[in-house]
C-alpha atoms as a PDB file:
ATOM      1  CA  MET A   1      30.896   5.987  44.716  1.00  0.00           C
ATOM      2  CA  LEU A   2      32.608   7.559  41.722  1.00  0.00           C
ATOM      3  CA  GLU A   3      32.491   4.292  39.831  1.00  0.00           C
ATOM      4  CA  LEU A   4      28.757   3.964  40.443  1.00  0.00           C
ATOM      5  CA  THR A   5      28.134   7.516  39.237  1.00  0.00           C
ATOM      6  CA  LEU A   6      30.268   6.936  36.147  1.00  0.00           C
ATOM      7  CA  LEU A   7      28.472   3.680  35.376  1.00  0.00           C
ATOM      8  CA  GLY A   8      25.082   5.364  35.767  1.00  0.00           C
ATOM      9  CA  SER A   9      26.133   8.226  33.507  1.00  0.00           C
ATOM     10  CA  ILE A  10      27.344   5.847  30.808  1.00  0.00           C
ATOM     11  CA  ALA A  11      24.125   3.835  31.026  1.00  0.00           C
ATOM     12  CA  LEU A  12      22.086   7.029  30.741  1.00  0.00           C
ATOM     13  CA  LEU A  13      24.046   8.199  27.702  1.00  0.00           C
ATOM     14  CA  LEU A  14      23.705   4.816  26.003  1.00  0.00           C
ATOM     15  CA  GLY A  15      19.972   4.788  26.722  1.00  0.00           C
ATOM     16  CA  LEU A  16      19.527   8.271  25.266  1.00  0.00           C
ATOM     17  CA  ALA A  17      21.555   7.352  22.182  1.00  0.00           C
ATOM     18  CA  LEU A  18      19.426   4.246  21.661  1.00  0.00           C
ATOM     19  CA  TRP A  19      16.216   6.229  22.145  1.00  0.00           C
ATOM     20  CA  PHE A  20      17.211   8.842  19.558  1.00  0.00           C
ATOM     21  CA  THR A  21      18.325   6.284  16.982  1.00  0.00           C
ATOM     22  CA  VAL A  22      15.181   4.120  17.138  1.00  0.00           C
ATOM     23  CA  ASP A  23      13.173   4.528  13.934  1.00  0.00           C
ATOM     24  CA  SER A  24       9.909   6.274  14.690  1.00  0.00           C
ATOM     25  CA  ASP A  25       6.606   5.913  12.838  1.00  0.00           C
ATOM     26  CA  ASP A  26       6.180   9.597  12.129  1.00  0.00           C
ATOM     27  CA  ASP A  27       9.092   9.990   9.741  1.00  0.00           C
ATOM     28  CA  ASP A  28       8.640   9.541   6.008  1.00  0.00           C
ATOM     29  CA  SER A  29       9.697   5.900   5.842  1.00  0.00           C
ATOM     30  CA  ASN A  30       6.677   3.921   4.650  1.00  0.00           C
ATOM     31  CA  GLY A  31       4.086   6.127   6.301  1.00  0.00           C
ATOM     32  CA  GLY A  32       3.362   4.434   9.578  1.00  0.00           C
ATOM     33  CA  ILE A  33       0.616   5.591  11.873  1.00  0.00           C
ATOM     34  CA  MET A  34       0.902   9.244  10.915  1.00  0.00           C
ATOM     35  CA  GLN A  35      -0.868   8.808   7.567  1.00  0.00           C
ATOM     36  CA  PRO A  36      -3.615  11.374   7.030  1.00  0.00           C
ATOM     37  CA  ILE A  37      -7.096   9.939   7.483  1.00  0.00           C
ATOM     38  CA  PRO A  38      -9.958  11.439   5.475  1.00  0.00           C
ATOM     39  CA  ILE A  39     -12.566  12.847   7.841  1.00  0.00           C
ATOM     40  CA  PRO A  40     -16.126  13.244   6.528  1.00  0.00           C
ATOM     41  CA  VAL A  41     -17.462  16.767   6.929  1.00  0.00           C
ATOM     42  CA  ARG A  42     -21.147  17.601   7.166  1.00  0.00           C
ATOM     43  CA  ARG A  43     -22.129  20.609   5.158  1.00  0.00           C
ATOM     44  CA  SER A  44     -25.447  22.311   5.785  1.00  0.00           C
ATOM     45  CA  TYR A  45     -26.405  25.010   3.331  1.00  0.00           C
END
């Protein structure tokens, strides 16, 4: 039982490490999907 718990803990830690090191689109490397999009605004005077 201890071996199974240890194996699960190691797998969880490796999964978390992989998840945090994956390059996301919202950092400043080449923009990605988080680029600002111009939104037209109606102005009534």
